[in-house]
Amino acid sequence: MHKFLSIATAMVLCGASGMAFAHNCPNEMKAIDAKLSTNPKLSTEDAAKVSKLRADGEAYHKAGKHDESMKSLLEAKKILGM
């Protein structure tokens, strides 16, 4: 019984941490938007890539695909030097 409780507790904690991570998508989008509002010096290609990654991140977030959303948003932040 004790082993079962330990396993159940670990599963609940893992699930909770995933939910917290999923809700960070909007904060990442806000950070990208704030950086873009400063008109960073980017090549035309990089600017287009950041815009696409930002849009993809939002679409993934709305679809409930938070891992994919964070991947896109973090790649956009990397290009922006964040």
N, C-alpha and C. Protein backbone atom coordinates (compact mmCIF):
# COMPACT_ATOMS: atom_id res chain seq x y z
N MET A 1 0.82 -1.19 0.00
CA MET A 1 0.00 0.00 0.00
C MET A 1 0.87 1.26 0.00
N HIS A 2 1.94 1.25 0.80
CA HIS A 2 2.83 2.41 0.88
C HIS A 2 3.47 2.70 -0.48
N LYS A 3 3.87 1.63 -1.18
CA LYS A 3 4.50 1.79 -2.50
C LYS A 3 3.50 2.41 -3.48
N PHE A 4 2.26 1.95 -3.44
CA PHE A 4 1.22 2.49 -4.31
C PHE A 4 1.01 3.98 -4.06
N LEU A 5 0.98 4.38 -2.79
CA LEU A 5 0.80 5.79 -2.44
C LEU A 5 1.95 6.63 -2.96
N SER A 6 3.16 6.12 -2.86
CA SER A 6 4.33 6.84 -3.37
C SER A 6 4.24 7.04 -4.88
N ILE A 7 3.86 6.00 -5.57
CA ILE A 7 3.74 6.07 -7.03
C ILE A 7 2.63 7.04 -7.41
N ALA A 8 1.49 6.96 -6.73
CA ALA A 8 0.36 7.84 -7.02
C ALA A 8 0.74 9.30 -6.77
N THR A 9 1.44 9.56 -5.69
CA THR A 9 1.88 10.92 -5.37
C THR A 9 2.82 11.44 -6.45
N ALA A 10 3.76 10.61 -6.88
CA ALA A 10 4.71 11.03 -7.92
C ALA A 10 3.97 11.35 -9.22
N MET A 11 2.97 10.56 -9.57
CA MET A 11 2.22 10.81 -10.80
C MET A 11 1.45 12.13 -10.72
N VAL A 12 0.86 12.41 -9.59
CA VAL A 12 0.12 13.66 -9.40
C VAL A 12 1.05 14.85 -9.52
N LEU A 13 2.21 14.77 -8.90
CA LEU A 13 3.18 15.88 -8.95
C LEU A 13 3.69 16.10 -10.37
N CYS A 14 3.94 15.04 -11.09
CA CYS A 14 4.38 15.18 -12.49
C CYS A 14 3.31 15.84 -13.34
N GLY A 15 2.08 15.44 -13.13
CA GLY A 15 0.97 16.04 -13.88
C GLY A 15 0.81 17.51 -13.56
N ALA A 16 0.96 17.87 -12.30
CA ALA A 16 0.83 19.27 -11.88
C ALA A 16 1.93 20.11 -12.48
N SER A 17 3.14 19.59 -12.54
CA SER A 17 4.24 20.37 -13.11
C SER A 17 4.02 20.58 -14.60
N GLY A 18 3.46 19.60 -15.29
CA GLY A 18 3.16 19.76 -16.71
C GLY A 18 2.10 20.82 -16.94
N MET A 19 1.11 20.89 -16.07
CA MET A 19 0.07 21.90 -16.20
C MET A 19 0.65 23.29 -15.97
N ALA A 20 1.54 23.43 -15.01
CA ALA A 20 2.15 24.73 -14.75
C ALA A 20 2.96 25.19 -15.96
N PHE A 21 3.67 24.26 -16.58
CA PHE A 21 4.47 24.58 -17.75
C PHE A 21 3.56 24.99 -18.90
N ALA A 22 2.44 24.33 -19.04
CA ALA A 22 1.51 24.62 -20.13
C ALA A 22 0.95 26.03 -20.04
N HIS A 23 0.76 26.50 -18.83
CA HIS A 23 0.17 27.82 -18.66
C HIS A 23 1.19 28.94 -18.83
N ASN A 24 2.43 28.60 -19.12
CA ASN A 24 3.46 29.62 -19.33
C ASN A 24 3.46 30.12 -20.77
N CYS A 25 2.77 29.45 -21.66
CA CYS A 25 2.75 29.86 -23.07
C CYS A 25 2.36 31.34 -23.24
N PRO A 26 1.28 31.80 -22.60
CA PRO A 26 0.91 33.21 -22.76
C PRO A 26 2.01 34.18 -22.29
N ASN A 27 2.72 33.82 -21.24
CA ASN A 27 3.81 34.69 -20.77
C ASN A 27 4.94 34.75 -21.80
N GLU A 28 5.22 33.62 -22.42
CA GLU A 28 6.26 33.60 -23.46
C GLU A 28 5.84 34.44 -24.66
N MET A 29 4.56 34.35 -25.03
CA MET A 29 4.06 35.16 -26.15
C MET A 29 4.15 36.65 -25.82
N LYS A 30 3.81 37.02 -24.59
CA LYS A 30 3.91 38.43 -24.17
C LYS A 30 5.34 38.91 -24.22
N ALA A 31 6.28 38.07 -23.79
CA ALA A 31 7.69 38.45 -23.82
C ALA A 31 8.17 38.67 -25.25
N ILE A 32 7.76 37.78 -26.15
CA ILE A 32 8.14 37.93 -27.56
C ILE A 32 7.53 39.20 -28.13
N ASP A 33 6.27 39.44 -27.85
CA ASP A 33 5.60 40.65 -28.34
C ASP A 33 6.29 41.92 -27.82
N ALA A 34 6.69 41.89 -26.55
CA ALA A 34 7.37 43.05 -25.97
C ALA A 34 8.70 43.31 -26.67
N LYS A 35 9.43 42.24 -26.94
CA LYS A 35 10.72 42.38 -27.63
C LYS A 35 10.49 42.89 -29.06
N LEU A 36 9.48 42.36 -29.74
CA LEU A 36 9.20 42.80 -31.11
C LEU A 36 8.78 44.27 -31.15
N SER A 37 8.15 44.76 -30.09
CA SER A 37 7.71 46.16 -30.06
C SER A 37 8.89 47.12 -29.99
N THR A 38 10.08 46.62 -29.65
CA THR A 38 11.27 47.47 -29.61
C THR A 38 11.97 47.54 -30.96
N ASN A 39 11.36 46.90 -31.97
CA ASN A 39 11.93 46.85 -33.32
C ASN A 39 13.38 46.36 -33.32
N PRO A 40 13.60 45.13 -32.88
CA PRO A 40 14.96 44.59 -32.84
C PRO A 40 15.53 44.49 -34.26
N LYS A 41 16.82 44.61 -34.36
CA LYS A 41 17.47 44.53 -35.67
C LYS A 41 17.59 43.06 -36.06
N LEU A 42 16.72 42.66 -36.97
CA LEU A 42 16.70 41.30 -37.49
C LEU A 42 16.74 41.33 -39.00
N SER A 43 17.30 40.30 -39.58
CA SER A 43 17.23 40.19 -41.04
C SER A 43 15.77 39.94 -41.40
N THR A 44 15.45 40.18 -42.66
CA THR A 44 14.08 39.94 -43.13
C THR A 44 13.70 38.49 -42.90
N GLU A 45 14.64 37.60 -43.16
CA GLU A 45 14.40 36.16 -42.99
C GLU A 45 14.13 35.82 -41.52
N ASP A 46 14.97 36.35 -40.61
CA ASP A 46 14.77 36.07 -39.19
C ASP A 46 13.47 36.68 -38.67
N ALA A 47 13.13 37.87 -39.13
CA ALA A 47 11.88 38.51 -38.70
C ALA A 47 10.67 37.66 -39.11
N ALA A 48 10.72 37.14 -40.34
CA ALA A 48 9.63 36.29 -40.83
C ALA A 48 9.56 34.99 -40.04
N LYS A 49 10.73 34.44 -39.71
CA LYS A 49 10.76 33.19 -38.96
C LYS A 49 10.21 33.39 -37.54
N VAL A 50 10.58 34.50 -36.90
CA VAL A 50 10.08 34.80 -35.56
C VAL A 50 8.56 34.97 -35.59
N SER A 51 8.06 35.68 -36.59
CA SER A 51 6.61 35.88 -36.70
C SER A 51 5.88 34.56 -36.88
N LYS A 52 6.43 33.68 -37.70
CA LYS A 52 5.81 32.37 -37.92
C LYS A 52 5.85 31.53 -36.65
N LEU A 53 7.01 31.50 -35.99
CA LEU A 53 7.13 30.71 -34.77
C LEU A 53 6.19 31.23 -33.69
N ARG A 54 6.05 32.54 -33.59
CA ARG A 54 5.15 33.16 -32.61
C ARG A 54 3.70 32.76 -32.90
N ALA A 55 3.31 32.84 -34.17
CA ALA A 55 1.95 32.47 -34.57
C ALA A 55 1.71 30.97 -34.36
N ASP A 56 2.70 30.16 -34.70
CA ASP A 56 2.57 28.72 -34.49
C ASP A 56 2.43 28.40 -33.00
N GLY A 57 3.21 29.09 -32.18
CA GLY A 57 3.14 28.88 -30.73
C GLY A 57 1.76 29.19 -30.19
N GLU A 58 1.17 30.26 -30.65
CA GLU A 58 -0.18 30.61 -30.20
C GLU A 58 -1.21 29.59 -30.68
N ALA A 59 -1.08 29.16 -31.93
CA ALA A 59 -2.01 28.17 -32.48
C ALA A 59 -1.91 26.85 -31.71
N TYR A 60 -0.68 26.42 -31.44
CA TYR A 60 -0.49 25.19 -30.66
C TYR A 60 -1.09 25.34 -29.26
N HIS A 61 -0.88 26.49 -28.65
CA HIS A 61 -1.42 26.73 -27.30
C HIS A 61 -2.94 26.62 -27.31
N LYS A 62 -3.57 27.26 -28.27
CA LYS A 62 -5.03 27.23 -28.36
C LYS A 62 -5.56 25.82 -28.63
N ALA A 63 -4.74 25.00 -29.30
CA ALA A 63 -5.13 23.62 -29.60
C ALA A 63 -4.81 22.67 -28.44
N GLY A 64 -4.22 23.21 -27.37
CA GLY A 64 -3.89 22.38 -26.22
C GLY A 64 -2.59 21.62 -26.37
N LYS A 65 -1.80 21.96 -27.38
CA LYS A 65 -0.51 21.29 -27.63
C LYS A 65 0.61 22.15 -27.04
N HIS A 66 0.69 22.13 -25.72
CA HIS A 66 1.57 23.05 -25.03
C HIS A 66 3.06 22.74 -25.20
N ASP A 67 3.43 21.48 -25.36
CA ASP A 67 4.83 21.16 -25.61
C ASP A 67 5.28 21.76 -26.94
N GLU A 68 4.46 21.59 -27.97
CA GLU A 68 4.79 22.14 -29.28
C GLU A 68 4.80 23.67 -29.23
N SER A 69 3.86 24.23 -28.47
CA SER A 69 3.80 25.68 -28.33
C SER A 69 5.09 26.22 -27.72
N MET A 70 5.50 25.62 -26.62
CA MET A 70 6.71 26.09 -25.95
C MET A 70 7.93 25.91 -26.84
N LYS A 71 7.98 24.84 -27.61
CA LYS A 71 9.10 24.62 -28.52
C LYS A 71 9.19 25.76 -29.53
N SER A 72 8.06 26.11 -30.13
CA SER A 72 8.05 27.19 -31.12
C SER A 72 8.41 28.53 -30.48
N LEU A 73 7.80 28.81 -29.33
CA LEU A 73 8.04 30.10 -28.67
C LEU A 73 9.48 30.24 -28.20
N LEU A 74 10.06 29.17 -27.68
CA LEU A 74 11.45 29.24 -27.22
C LEU A 74 12.41 29.40 -28.39
N GLU A 75 12.08 28.81 -29.54
CA GLU A 75 12.91 29.00 -30.73
C GLU A 75 12.84 30.46 -31.19
N ALA A 76 11.65 31.06 -31.14
CA ALA A 76 11.51 32.48 -31.49
C ALA A 76 12.33 33.35 -30.55
N LYS A 77 12.28 33.03 -29.26
CA LYS A 77 13.05 33.81 -28.28
C LYS A 77 14.55 33.67 -28.54
N LYS A 78 14.97 32.49 -28.94
CA LYS A 78 16.39 32.27 -29.23
C LYS A 78 16.84 33.17 -30.38
N ILE A 79 16.04 33.24 -31.44
CA ILE A 79 16.38 34.09 -32.59
C ILE A 79 16.43 35.56 -32.15
N LEU A 80 15.53 35.93 -31.23
CA LEU A 80 15.49 37.31 -30.73
C LEU A 80 16.61 37.61 -29.72
N GLY A 81 17.35 36.59 -29.35
CA GLY A 81 18.43 36.80 -28.39
C GLY A 81 17.94 36.94 -26.96
N MET A 82 16.85 36.31 -26.66
CA MET A 82 16.25 36.40 -25.32
C MET A 82 16.64 35.19 -24.48
